């Protein structure tokens, strides 16, 4: 299992044809550096596809996820350009749930 200590979401879209190098370059541009045990999330313009780049301390992992219907609850382009997510929010996001409403321990506090 890959250890992930922090999860970061980048607001601006990423071309889903991007491979390791282009995704890593975007991480460095948006977040300043790719830190070990951090996950960086990007979506396409329609927010129905997502890529996750994880630096495990030795190398880089790149994973993709696609929703067949609907779209991920992705913030609009603008400020801020990045959001920190909890592990519970990440779990909700990859399922297509409104992660912004998920609090600690997966509790939804606002409807």
PDB file of N, CA and C in Angstrom:
ATOM      1  N   UNK A   1       0.840  -1.178   0.000  1.00  0.00           N
ATOM      2  CA  UNK A   1       0.000   0.000   0.000  1.00  0.00           C
ATOM      3  C   UNK A   1       0.883   1.238   0.000  1.00  0.00           C
ATOM      4  N   UNK A   2       0.482   2.226  -0.732  1.00  0.00           N
ATOM      5  CA  UNK A   2       1.224   3.475  -0.810  1.00  0.00           C
ATOM      6  C   UNK A   2       0.776   4.385   0.338  1.00  0.00           C
ATOM      7  N   UNK A   3       1.732   4.888   1.088  1.00  0.00           N
ATOM      8  CA  UNK A   3       1.426   5.797   2.189  1.00  0.00           C
ATOM      9  C   UNK A   3       1.151   7.191   1.646  1.00  0.00           C
ATOM     10  N   UNK A   4       0.026   7.763   2.044  1.00  0.00           N
ATOM     11  CA  UNK A   4      -0.323   9.130   1.654  1.00  0.00           C
ATOM     12  C   UNK A   4      -0.620   9.910   2.920  1.00  0.00           C
ATOM     13  N   UNK A   5       0.222  10.901   3.186  1.00  0.00           N
ATOM     14  CA  UNK A   5       0.049  11.731   4.377  1.00  0.00           C
ATOM     15  C   UNK A   5      -0.829  12.943   4.108  1.00  0.00           C
ATOM     16  N   UNK A   6      -0.694  13.535   2.927  1.00  0.00           N
ATOM     17  CA  UNK A   6      -1.473  14.718   2.585  1.00  0.00           C
ATOM     18  C   UNK A   6      -2.012  14.588   1.177  1.00  0.00           C
ATOM     19  N   UNK A   7      -3.201  15.157   0.966  1.00  0.00           N
ATOM     20  CA  UNK A   7      -3.867  15.122  -0.338  1.00  0.00           C
ATOM     21  C   UNK A   7      -4.135  16.561  -0.759  1.00  0.00           C
ATOM     22  N   UNK A   8      -3.780  16.864  -2.005  1.00  0.00           N
ATOM     23  CA  UNK A   8      -3.960  18.209  -2.541  1.00  0.00           C
ATOM     24  C   UNK A   8      -4.731  18.149  -3.847  1.00  0.00           C
ATOM     25  N   UNK A   9      -5.692  19.047  -4.015  1.00  0.00           N
ATOM     26  CA  UNK A   9      -6.490  19.140  -5.225  1.00  0.00           C
ATOM     27  C   UNK A   9      -6.094  20.400  -5.969  1.00  0.00           C
ATOM     28  N   UNK A  10      -5.786  20.263  -7.250  1.00  0.00           N
ATOM     29  CA  UNK A  10      -5.476  21.422  -8.098  1.00  0.00           C
ATOM     30  C   UNK A  10      -6.742  21.816  -8.855  1.00  0.00           C
ATOM     31  N   UNK A  11      -7.089  23.071  -8.826  1.00  0.00           N
ATOM     32  CA  UNK A  11      -8.338  23.548  -9.411  1.00  0.00           C
ATOM     33  C   UNK A  11      -8.295  23.557 -10.931  1.00  0.00           C
ATOM     34  N   UNK A  12      -7.234  24.084 -11.512  1.00  0.00           N
ATOM     35  CA  UNK A  12      -7.170  24.223 -12.969  1.00  0.00           C
ATOM     36  C   UNK A  12      -7.083  22.862 -13.648  1.00  0.00           C
ATOM     37  N   UNK A  13      -7.746  22.716 -14.807  1.00  0.00           N
ATOM     38  CA  UNK A  13      -7.789  21.419 -15.483  1.00  0.00           C
ATOM     39  C   UNK A  13      -6.433  20.988 -16.041  1.00  0.00           C
ATOM     40  N   UNK A  14      -6.294  19.672 -16.192  1.00  0.00           N
ATOM     41  CA  UNK A  14      -5.103  19.057 -16.770  1.00  0.00           C
ATOM     42  C   UNK A  14      -5.533  18.238 -17.978  1.00  0.00           C
ATOM     43  N   UNK A  15      -4.769  18.305 -19.040  1.00  0.00           N
ATOM     44  CA  UNK A  15      -5.021  17.474 -20.219  1.00  0.00           C
ATOM     45  C   UNK A  15      -4.819  16.017 -19.808  1.00  0.00           C
ATOM     46  N   UNK A  16      -5.833  15.191 -19.972  1.00  0.00           N
ATOM     47  CA  UNK A  16      -5.762  13.807 -19.519  1.00  0.00           C
ATOM     48  C   UNK A  16      -4.810  12.952 -20.359  1.00  0.00           C
ATOM     49  N   UNK A  17      -4.292  13.491 -21.443  1.00  0.00           N
ATOM     50  CA  UNK A  17      -3.256  12.778 -22.200  1.00  0.00           C
ATOM     51  C   UNK A  17      -1.894  12.921 -21.540  1.00  0.00           C
ATOM     52  N   UNK A  18      -1.808  13.768 -20.520  1.00  0.00           N
ATOM     53  CA  UNK A  18      -0.544  14.017 -19.831  1.00  0.00           C
ATOM     54  C   UNK A  18      -0.038  12.746 -19.160  1.00  0.00           C
ATOM     55  N   UNK A  19       1.249  12.512 -19.300  1.00  0.00           N
ATOM     56  CA  UNK A  19       1.891  11.385 -18.642  1.00  0.00           C
ATOM     57  C   UNK A  19       2.593  11.847 -17.379  1.00  0.00           C
ATOM     58  N   UNK A  20       3.532  11.006 -16.904  1.00  0.00           N
ATOM     59  CA  UNK A  20       4.258  11.312 -15.666  1.00  0.00           C
ATOM     60  C   UNK A  20       4.931  12.679 -15.717  1.00  0.00           C
ATOM     61  N   UNK A  21       5.683  12.928 -16.777  1.00  0.00           N
ATOM     62  CA  UNK A  21       6.489  14.149 -16.844  1.00  0.00           C
ATOM     63  C   UNK A  21       5.636  15.410 -16.820  1.00  0.00           C
ATOM     64  N   UNK A  22       4.584  15.431 -17.640  1.00  0.00           N
ATOM     65  CA  UNK A  22       3.740  16.621 -17.701  1.00  0.00           C
ATOM     66  C   UNK A  22       2.954  16.806 -16.398  1.00  0.00           C
ATOM     67  N   UNK A  23       2.450  15.713 -15.822  1.00  0.00           N
ATOM     68  CA  UNK A  23       1.731  15.807 -14.552  1.00  0.00           C
ATOM     69  C   UNK A  23       2.663  16.276 -13.433  1.00  0.00           C
ATOM     70  N   UNK A  24       3.889  15.751 -13.406  1.00  0.00           N
ATOM     71  CA  UNK A  24       4.862  16.171 -12.401  1.00  0.00           C
ATOM     72  C   UNK A  24       5.231  17.643 -12.582  1.00  0.00           C
ATOM     73  N   UNK A  25       5.379  18.084 -13.829  1.00  0.00           N
ATOM     74  CA  UNK A  25       5.669  19.501 -14.091  1.00  0.00           C
ATOM     75  C   UNK A  25       4.522  20.381 -13.593  1.00  0.00           C
ATOM     76  N   UNK A  26       3.277  19.934 -13.753  1.00  0.00           N
ATOM     77  CA  UNK A  26       2.132  20.706 -13.263  1.00  0.00           C
ATOM     78  C   UNK A  26       2.133  20.763 -11.737  1.00  0.00           C
ATOM     79  N   UNK A  27       2.489  19.656 -11.087  1.00  0.00           N
ATOM     80  CA  UNK A  27       2.575  19.647  -9.619  1.00  0.00           C
ATOM     81  C   UNK A  27       3.591  20.681  -9.146  1.00  0.00           C
ATOM     82  N   UNK A  28       4.749  20.695  -9.772  1.00  0.00           N
ATOM     83  CA  UNK A  28       5.796  21.643  -9.384  1.00  0.00           C
ATOM     84  C   UNK A  28       5.338  23.077  -9.638  1.00  0.00           C
ATOM     85  N   UNK A  29       4.639  23.314 -10.746  1.00  0.00           N
ATOM     86  CA  UNK A  29       4.151  24.658 -11.063  1.00  0.00           C
ATOM     87  C   UNK A  29       3.103  25.125 -10.060  1.00  0.00           C
ATOM     88  N   UNK A  30       2.137  24.265  -9.754  1.00  0.00           N
ATOM     89  CA  UNK A  30       1.020  24.661  -8.894  1.00  0.00           C
ATOM     90  C   UNK A  30       1.377  24.622  -7.407  1.00  0.00           C
ATOM     91  N   UNK A  31       2.099  23.580  -6.987  1.00  0.00           N
ATOM     92  CA  UNK A  31       2.346  23.370  -5.565  1.00  0.00           C
ATOM     93  C   UNK A  31       3.772  23.709  -5.129  1.00  0.00           C
ATOM     94  N   UNK A  32       4.640  24.008  -6.074  1.00  0.00           N
ATOM     95  CA  UNK A  32       6.005  24.390  -5.736  1.00  0.00           C
ATOM     96  C   UNK A  32       6.978  23.234  -5.701  1.00  0.00           C
ATOM     97  N   UNK A  33       6.513  22.030  -5.387  1.00  0.00           N
ATOM     98  CA  UNK A  33       7.356  20.828  -5.329  1.00  0.00           C
ATOM     99  C   UNK A  33       6.451  19.618  -5.164  1.00  0.00           C
ATOM    100  N   UNK A  34       6.993  18.462  -5.477  1.00  0.00           N
ATOM    101  CA  UNK A  34       6.292  17.199  -5.234  1.00  0.00           C
ATOM    102  C   UNK A  34       6.892  16.595  -3.974  1.00  0.00           C
ATOM    103  N   UNK A  35       6.159  16.662  -2.887  1.00  0.00           N
ATOM    104  CA  UNK A  35       6.652  16.180  -1.599  1.00  0.00           C
ATOM    105  C   UNK A  35       6.390  14.686  -1.444  1.00  0.00           C
ATOM    106  N   UNK A  36       7.310  13.964  -0.794  1.00  0.00           N
ATOM    107  CA  UNK A  36       7.089  12.538  -0.563  1.00  0.00           C
ATOM    108  C   UNK A  36       5.824  12.298   0.260  1.00  0.00           C
ATOM    109  N   UNK A  37       5.103  11.268  -0.110  1.00  0.00           N
ATOM    110  CA  UNK A  37       3.881  10.822   0.573  1.00  0.00           C
ATOM    111  C   UNK A  37       2.749  11.835   0.478  1.00  0.00           C
ATOM    112  N   UNK A  38       2.758  12.608  -0.605  1.00  0.00           N
ATOM    113  CA  UNK A  38       1.657  13.520  -0.901  1.00  0.00           C
ATOM    114  C   UNK A  38       0.995  13.064  -2.191  1.00  0.00           C
ATOM    115  N   UNK A  39      -0.319  13.227  -2.263  1.00  0.00           N
ATOM    116  CA  UNK A  39      -1.088  12.923  -3.473  1.00  0.00           C
ATOM    117  C   UNK A  39      -1.596  14.236  -4.052  1.00  0.00           C
ATOM    118  N   UNK A  40      -1.526  14.366  -5.371  1.00  0.00           N
ATOM    119  CA  UNK A  40      -1.943  15.567  -6.071  1.00  0.00           C
ATOM    120  C   UNK A  40      -3.012  15.187  -7.091  1.00  0.00           C
ATOM    121  N   UNK A  41      -4.184  15.815  -7.013  1.00  0.00           N
ATOM    122  CA  UNK A  41      -5.318  15.470  -7.857  1.00  0.00           C
ATOM    123  C   UNK A  41      -5.565  16.538  -8.902  1.00  0.00           C
ATOM    124  N   UNK A  42      -5.861  16.079 -10.124  1.00  0.00           N
ATOM    125  CA  UNK A  42      -6.184  16.953 -11.244  1.00  0.00           C
ATOM    126  C   UNK A  42      -7.382  16.379 -11.988  1.00  0.00           C
ATOM    127  N   UNK A  43      -8.191  17.240 -12.585  1.00  0.00           N
ATOM    128  CA  UNK A  43      -9.322  16.801 -13.400  1.00  0.00           C
ATOM    129  C   UNK A  43      -9.227  17.445 -14.776  1.00  0.00           C
ATOM    130  N   UNK A  44      -9.991  16.896 -15.726  1.00  0.00           N
ATOM    131  CA  UNK A  44     -10.086  17.527 -17.041  1.00  0.00           C
ATOM    132  C   UNK A  44     -11.119  18.657 -16.979  1.00  0.00           C
ATOM    133  N   UNK A  45     -11.345  19.342 -18.086  1.00  0.00           N
ATOM    134  CA  UNK A  45     -12.262  20.495 -18.105  1.00  0.00           C
ATOM    135  C   UNK A  45     -13.692  20.110 -17.732  1.00  0.00           C
ATOM    136  N   UNK A  46     -14.146  18.953 -18.190  1.00  0.00           N
ATOM    137  CA  UNK A  46     -15.513  18.509 -17.891  1.00  0.00           C
ATOM    138  C   UNK A  46     -15.640  17.885 -16.508  1.00  0.00           C
ATOM    139  N   UNK A  47     -14.534  17.675 -15.831  1.00  0.00           N
ATOM    140  CA  UNK A  47     -14.488  17.097 -14.484  1.00  0.00           C
ATOM    141  C   UNK A  47     -15.114  15.709 -14.410  1.00  0.00           C
ATOM    142  N   UNK A  48     -15.017  14.948 -15.504  1.00  0.00           N
ATOM    143  CA  UNK A  48     -15.484  13.566 -15.466  1.00  0.00           C
ATOM    144  C   UNK A  48     -14.315  12.576 -15.470  1.00  0.00           C
ATOM    145  N   UNK A  49     -13.109  13.103 -15.540  1.00  0.00           N
ATOM    146  CA  UNK A  49     -11.896  12.293 -15.449  1.00  0.00           C
ATOM    147  C   UNK A  49     -10.945  12.947 -14.462  1.00  0.00           C
ATOM    148  N   UNK A  50     -10.204  12.091 -13.741  1.00  0.00           N
ATOM    149  CA  UNK A  50      -9.282  12.590 -12.728  1.00  0.00           C
ATOM    150  C   UNK A  50      -7.973  11.821 -12.832  1.00  0.00           C
ATOM    151  N   UNK A  51      -6.882  12.513 -12.585  1.00  0.00           N
ATOM    152  CA  UNK A  51      -5.573  11.879 -12.459  1.00  0.00           C
ATOM    153  C   UNK A  51      -5.020  12.211 -11.087  1.00  0.00           C
ATOM    154  N   UNK A  52      -4.359  11.229 -10.496  1.00  0.00           N
ATOM    155  CA  UNK A  52      -3.754  11.383  -9.179  1.00  0.00           C
ATOM    156  C   UNK A  52      -2.279  11.041  -9.303  1.00  0.00           C
ATOM    157  N   UNK A  53      -1.426  11.959  -8.907  1.00  0.00           N
ATOM    158  CA  UNK A  53       0.010  11.740  -8.895  1.00  0.00           C
ATOM    159  C   UNK A  53       0.441  11.616  -7.445  1.00  0.00           C
ATOM    160  N   UNK A  54       1.151  10.542  -7.117  1.00  0.00           N
ATOM    161  CA  UNK A  54       1.630  10.309  -5.757  1.00  0.00           C
ATOM    162  C   UNK A  54       3.133  10.102  -5.795  1.00  0.00           C
ATOM    163  N   UNK A  55       3.825  10.840  -4.947  1.00  0.00           N
ATOM    164  CA  UNK A  55       5.273  10.647  -4.772  1.00  0.00           C
ATOM    165  C   UNK A  55       5.432   9.784  -3.527  1.00  0.00           C
ATOM    166  N   UNK A  56       5.949   8.559  -3.690  1.00  0.00           N
ATOM    167  CA  UNK A  56       6.041   7.625  -2.560  1.00  0.00           C
ATOM    168  C   UNK A  56       7.377   7.692  -1.828  1.00  0.00           C
ATOM    169  N   UNK A  57       8.213   8.665  -2.154  1.00  0.00           N
ATOM    170  CA  UNK A  57       9.515   8.791  -1.518  1.00  0.00           C
ATOM    171  C   UNK A  57      10.629   8.202  -2.363  1.00  0.00           C
ATOM    172  N   UNK A  58      10.273   7.337  -3.285  1.00  0.00           N
ATOM    173  CA  UNK A  58      11.258   6.710  -4.175  1.00  0.00           C
ATOM    174  C   UNK A  58      10.960   7.055  -5.631  1.00  0.00           C
ATOM    175  N   UNK A  59       9.702   6.960  -6.000  1.00  0.00           N
ATOM    176  CA  UNK A  59       9.289   7.211  -7.376  1.00  0.00           C
ATOM    177  C   UNK A  59       7.925   7.880  -7.415  1.00  0.00           C
ATOM    178  N   UNK A  60       7.385   7.942  -8.620  1.00  0.00           N
ATOM    179  CA  UNK A  60       6.113   8.604  -8.864  1.00  0.00           C
ATOM    180  C   UNK A  60       5.088   7.574  -9.331  1.00  0.00           C
ATOM    181  N   UNK A  61       3.880   7.632  -8.795  1.00  0.00           N
ATOM    182  CA  UNK A  61       2.750   6.817  -9.221  1.00  0.00           C
ATOM    183  C   UNK A  61       1.740   7.741  -9.878  1.00  0.00           C
ATOM    184  N   UNK A  62       1.151   7.301 -10.972  1.00  0.00           N
ATOM    185  CA  UNK A  62       0.127   8.086 -11.654  1.00  0.00           C
ATOM    186  C   UNK A  62      -1.070   7.175 -11.891  1.00  0.00           C
ATOM    187  N   UNK A  63      -2.218   7.572 -11.376  1.00  0.00           N
ATOM    188  CA  UNK A  63      -3.437   6.785 -11.522  1.00  0.00           C
ATOM    189  C   UNK A  63      -4.512   7.651 -12.149  1.00  0.00           C
ATOM    190  N   UNK A  64      -5.476   7.000 -12.790  1.00  0.00           N
ATOM    191  CA  UNK A  64      -6.577   7.718 -13.436  1.00  0.00           C
ATOM    192  C   UNK A  64      -7.908   7.134 -12.990  1.00  0.00           C
ATOM    193  N   UNK A  65      -8.930   7.975 -12.978  1.00  0.00           N
ATOM    194  CA  UNK A  65     -10.283   7.554 -12.629  1.00  0.00           C
ATOM    195  C   UNK A  65     -11.239   8.283 -13.556  1.00  0.00           C
ATOM    196  N   UNK A  66     -12.293   7.570 -13.987  1.00  0.00           N
ATOM    197  CA  UNK A  66     -13.281   8.173 -14.879  1.00  0.00           C
ATOM    198  C   UNK A  66     -14.674   7.854 -14.370  1.00  0.00           C
ATOM    199  N   UNK A  67     -15.561   8.834 -14.427  1.00  0.00           N
ATOM    200  CA  UNK A  67     -16.964   8.615 -14.124  1.00  0.00           C
ATOM    201  C   UNK A  67     -17.707   8.423 -15.434  1.00  0.00           C
ATOM    202  N   UNK A  68     -18.500   7.388 -15.526  1.00  0.00           N
ATOM    203  CA  UNK A  68     -19.274   7.143 -16.749  1.00  0.00           C
ATOM    204  C   UNK A  68     -20.479   8.058 -16.843  1.00  0.00           C
ATOM    205  N   UNK A  69     -20.995   8.502 -15.693  1.00  0.00           N
ATOM    206  CA  UNK A  69     -22.095   9.454 -15.658  1.00  0.00           C
ATOM    207  C   UNK A  69     -21.772  10.552 -14.661  1.00  0.00           C
ATOM    208  N   UNK A  70     -22.211  11.748 -14.973  1.00  0.00           N
ATOM    209  CA  UNK A  70     -22.000  12.861 -14.059  1.00  0.00           C
ATOM    210  C   UNK A  70     -20.566  13.351 -14.071  1.00  0.00           C
ATOM    211  N   UNK A  71     -20.210  14.073 -13.032  1.00  0.00           N
ATOM    212  CA  UNK A  71     -18.864  14.613 -12.934  1.00  0.00           C
ATOM    213  C   UNK A  71     -18.450  14.704 -11.472  1.00  0.00           C
ATOM    214  N   UNK A  72     -17.148  14.842 -11.268  1.00  0.00           N
ATOM    215  CA  UNK A  72     -16.614  15.009  -9.935  1.00  0.00           C
ATOM    216  C   UNK A  72     -16.998  16.390  -9.418  1.00  0.00           C
ATOM    217  N   UNK A  73     -17.158  16.520  -8.114  1.00  0.00           N
ATOM    218  CA  UNK A  73     -17.465  17.818  -7.492  1.00  0.00           C
ATOM    219  C   UNK A  73     -16.168  18.613  -7.442  1.00  0.00           C
ATOM    220  N   UNK A  74     -15.847  19.281  -8.555  1.00  0.00           N
ATOM    221  CA  UNK A  74     -14.578  19.992  -8.682  1.00  0.00           C
ATOM    222  C   UNK A  74     -14.817  21.481  -8.557  1.00  0.00           C
ATOM    223  N   UNK A  75     -13.975  22.200  -7.818  1.00  0.00           N
ATOM    224  CA  UNK A  75     -14.140  23.655  -7.717  1.00  0.00           C
ATOM    225  C   UNK A  75     -13.913  24.323  -9.070  1.00  0.00           C
ATOM    226  N   UNK A  76     -14.524  25.449  -9.245  1.00  0.00           N
ATOM    227  CA  UNK A  76     -14.348  26.232 -10.477  1.00  0.00           C
ATOM    228  C   UNK A  76     -12.957  26.852 -10.520  1.00  0.00           C
ATOM    229  N   UNK A  77     -12.478  27.104 -11.733  1.00  0.00           N
ATOM    230  CA  UNK A  77     -11.183  27.770 -11.874  1.00  0.00           C
ATOM    231  C   UNK A  77     -11.241  29.146 -11.230  1.00  0.00           C
ATOM    232  N   UNK A  78     -10.163  29.543 -10.669  1.00  0.00           N
ATOM    233  CA  UNK A  78     -10.085  30.830  -9.992  1.00  0.00           C
ATOM    234  C   UNK A  78      -9.218  30.701  -8.761  1.00  0.00           C
ATOM    235  N   UNK A  79      -9.487  31.492  -7.772  1.00  0.00           N
ATOM    236  CA  UNK A  79      -8.716  31.458  -6.530  1.00  0.00           C
ATOM    237  C   UNK A  79      -9.500  30.737  -5.458  1.00  0.00           C
ATOM    238  N   UNK A  80      -8.904  29.971  -4.613  1.00  0.00           N
ATOM    239  CA  UNK A  80      -7.503  29.545  -4.650  1.00  0.00           C
ATOM    240  C   UNK A  80      -7.273  28.501  -5.740  1.00  0.00           C
ATOM    241  N   UNK A  81      -6.024  28.270  -6.075  1.00  0.00           N
ATOM    242  CA  UNK A  81      -5.641  27.325  -7.128  1.00  0.00           C
ATOM    243  C   UNK A  81      -5.475  25.908  -6.601  1.00  0.00           C
ATOM    244  N   UNK A  82      -5.510  25.748  -5.268  1.00  0.00           N
ATOM    245  CA  UNK A  82      -5.289  24.428  -4.669  1.00  0.00           C
ATOM    246  C   UNK A  82      -6.066  24.312  -3.367  1.00  0.00           C
ATOM    247  N   UNK A  83      -6.443  23.081  -3.035  1.00  0.00           N
ATOM    248  CA  UNK A  83      -7.166  22.804  -1.800  1.00  0.00           C
ATOM    249  C   UNK A  83      -6.537  21.600  -1.111  1.00  0.00           C
ATOM    250  N   UNK A  84      -6.356  21.668   0.212  1.00  0.00           N
ATOM    251  CA  UNK A  84      -5.972  20.458   0.942  1.00  0.00           C
ATOM    252  C   UNK A  84      -7.227  19.636   1.210  1.00  0.00           C
ATOM    253  N   UNK A  85      -7.136  18.322   1.107  1.00  0.00           N
ATOM    254  CA  UNK A  85      -8.262  17.432   1.373  1.00  0.00           C
ATOM    255  C   UNK A  85      -7.902  16.462   2.486  1.00  0.00           C
ATOM    256  N   UNK A  86      -8.909  16.052   3.247  1.00  0.00           N
ATOM    257  CA  UNK A  86      -8.708  14.989   4.210  1.00  0.00           C
ATOM    258  C   UNK A  86      -8.867  13.656   3.476  1.00  0.00           C
ATOM    259  N   UNK A  87      -8.505  12.579   4.128  1.00  0.00           N
ATOM    260  CA  UNK A  87      -8.674  11.266   3.514  1.00  0.00           C
ATOM    261  C   UNK A  87     -10.150  10.945   3.302  1.00  0.00           C
ATOM    262  N   UNK A  88     -11.004  11.411   4.201  1.00  0.00           N
ATOM    263  CA  UNK A  88     -12.446  11.206   4.059  1.00  0.00           C
ATOM    264  C   UNK A  88     -12.983  11.976   2.855  1.00  0.00           C
ATOM    265  N   UNK A  89     -12.513  13.200   2.666  1.00  0.00           N
ATOM    266  CA  UNK A  89     -12.931  13.990   1.510  1.00  0.00           C
ATOM    267  C   UNK A  89     -12.455  13.349   0.219  1.00  0.00           C
ATOM    268  N   UNK A  90     -11.247  12.800   0.200  1.00  0.00           N
ATOM    269  CA  UNK A  90     -10.743  12.099  -0.979  1.00  0.00           C
ATOM    270  C   UNK A  90     -11.625  10.903  -1.305  1.00  0.00           C
ATOM    271  N   UNK A  91     -11.989  10.136  -0.295  1.00  0.00           N
ATOM    272  CA  UNK A  91     -12.849   8.973  -0.523  1.00  0.00           C
ATOM    273  C   UNK A  91     -14.189   9.393  -1.121  1.00  0.00           C
ATOM    274  N   UNK A  92     -14.751  10.490  -0.652  1.00  0.00           N
ATOM    275  CA  UNK A  92     -15.995  10.989  -1.215  1.00  0.00           C
ATOM    276  C   UNK A  92     -15.824  11.505  -2.626  1.00  0.00           C
ATOM    277  N   UNK A  93     -14.747  12.223  -2.863  1.00  0.00           N
ATOM    278  CA  UNK A  93     -14.489  12.794  -4.186  1.00  0.00           C
ATOM    279  C   UNK A  93     -14.386  11.729  -5.261  1.00  0.00           C
ATOM    280  N   UNK A  94     -13.630  10.668  -5.025  1.00  0.00           N
ATOM    281  CA  UNK A  94     -13.448   9.647  -6.062  1.00  0.00           C
ATOM    282  C   UNK A  94     -14.743   8.886  -6.355  1.00  0.00           C
ATOM    283  N   UNK A  95     -15.717   8.959  -5.450  1.00  0.00           N
ATOM    284  CA  UNK A  95     -17.020   8.349  -5.694  1.00  0.00           C
ATOM    285  C   UNK A  95     -17.995   9.314  -6.366  1.00  0.00           C
ATOM    286  N   UNK A  96     -17.580  10.574  -6.512  1.00  0.00           N
ATOM    287  CA  UNK A  96     -18.445  11.571  -7.128  1.00  0.00           C
ATOM    288  C   UNK A  96     -19.319  12.312  -6.137  1.00  0.00           C
ATOM    289  N   UNK A  97     -19.032  12.171  -4.848  1.00  0.00           N
ATOM    290  CA  UNK A  97     -19.814  12.855  -3.811  1.00  0.00           C
ATOM    291  C   UNK A  97     -19.312  14.277  -3.594  1.00  0.00           C
ATOM    292  N   UNK A  98     -20.141  15.148  -2.998  1.00  0.00           N
ATOM    293  CA  UNK A  98     -19.711  16.524  -2.715  1.00  0.00           C
ATOM    294  C   UNK A  98     -18.736  16.554  -1.538  1.00  0.00           C
ATOM    295  N   UNK A  99     -17.458  16.438  -1.804  1.00  0.00           N
ATOM    296  CA  UNK A  99     -16.420  16.333  -0.779  1.00  0.00           C
ATOM    297  C   UNK A  99     -16.352  17.551   0.127  1.00  0.00           C
ATOM    298  N   UNK A 100     -16.790  18.712  -0.375  1.00  0.00           N
ATOM    299  CA  UNK A 100     -16.715  19.936   0.425  1.00  0.00           C
ATOM    300  C   UNK A 100     -17.589  19.840   1.670  1.00  0.00           C
ATOM    301  N   UNK A 101     -18.575  18.949   1.667  1.00  0.00           N
ATOM    302  CA  UNK A 101     -19.506  18.830   2.793  1.00  0.00           C
ATOM    303  C   UNK A 101     -19.128  17.727   3.771  1.00  0.00           C
ATOM    304  N   UNK A 102     -18.083  16.989   3.468  1.00  0.00           N
ATOM    305  CA  UNK A 102     -17.676  15.878   4.322  1.00  0.00           C
ATOM    306  C   UNK A 102     -16.659  16.370   5.338  1.00  0.00           C
ATOM    307  N   UNK A 103     -16.951  16.152   6.612  1.00  0.00           N
ATOM    308  CA  UNK A 103     -16.069  16.575   7.689  1.00  0.00           C
ATOM    309  C   UNK A 103     -15.212  15.432   8.186  1.00  0.00           C
ATOM    310  N   UNK A 104     -14.655  15.584   9.358  1.00  0.00           N
ATOM    311  CA  UNK A 104     -13.826  14.548   9.964  1.00  0.00           C
ATOM    312  C   UNK A 104     -14.642  13.280  10.158  1.00  0.00           C
ATOM    313  N   UNK A 105     -13.996  12.157   9.999  1.00  0.00           N
ATOM    314  CA  UNK A 105     -14.602  10.837  10.162  1.00  0.00           C
ATOM    315  C   UNK A 105     -15.733  10.569   9.176  1.00  0.00           C
ATOM    316  N   UNK A 106     -15.763  11.285   8.056  1.00  0.00           N
ATOM    317  CA  UNK A 106     -16.761  11.039   7.031  1.00  0.00           C
ATOM    318  C   UNK A 106     -18.145  11.579   7.339  1.00  0.00           C
ATOM    319  N   UNK A 107     -18.275  12.393   8.364  1.00  0.00           N
ATOM    320  CA  UNK A 107     -19.568  12.927   8.758  1.00  0.00           C
ATOM    321  C   UNK A 107     -19.944  14.081   7.825  1.00  0.00           C
ATOM    322  N   UNK A 108     -21.132  14.006   7.234  1.00  0.00           N
ATOM    323  CA  UNK A 108     -21.641  15.098   6.398  1.00  0.00           C
ATOM    324  C   UNK A 108     -22.351  16.080   7.330  1.00  0.00           C
ATOM    325  N   UNK A 109     -21.868  17.314   7.368  1.00  0.00           N
ATOM    326  CA  UNK A 109     -22.377  18.291   8.318  1.00  0.00           C
ATOM    327  C   UNK A 109     -23.354  19.294   7.684  1.00  0.00           C
ATOM    328  N   UNK A 110     -23.294  19.484   6.373  1.00  0.00           N
ATOM    329  CA  UNK A 110     -24.159  20.458   5.705  1.00  0.00           C
ATOM    330  C   UNK A 110     -24.834  19.762   4.540  1.00  0.00           C
ATOM    331  N   UNK A 111     -26.142  19.983   4.390  1.00  0.00           N
ATOM    332  CA  UNK A 111     -26.873  19.385   3.267  1.00  0.00           C
ATOM    333  C   UNK A 111     -27.376  20.498   2.380  1.00  0.00           C
TER     334      UNK A 111
END
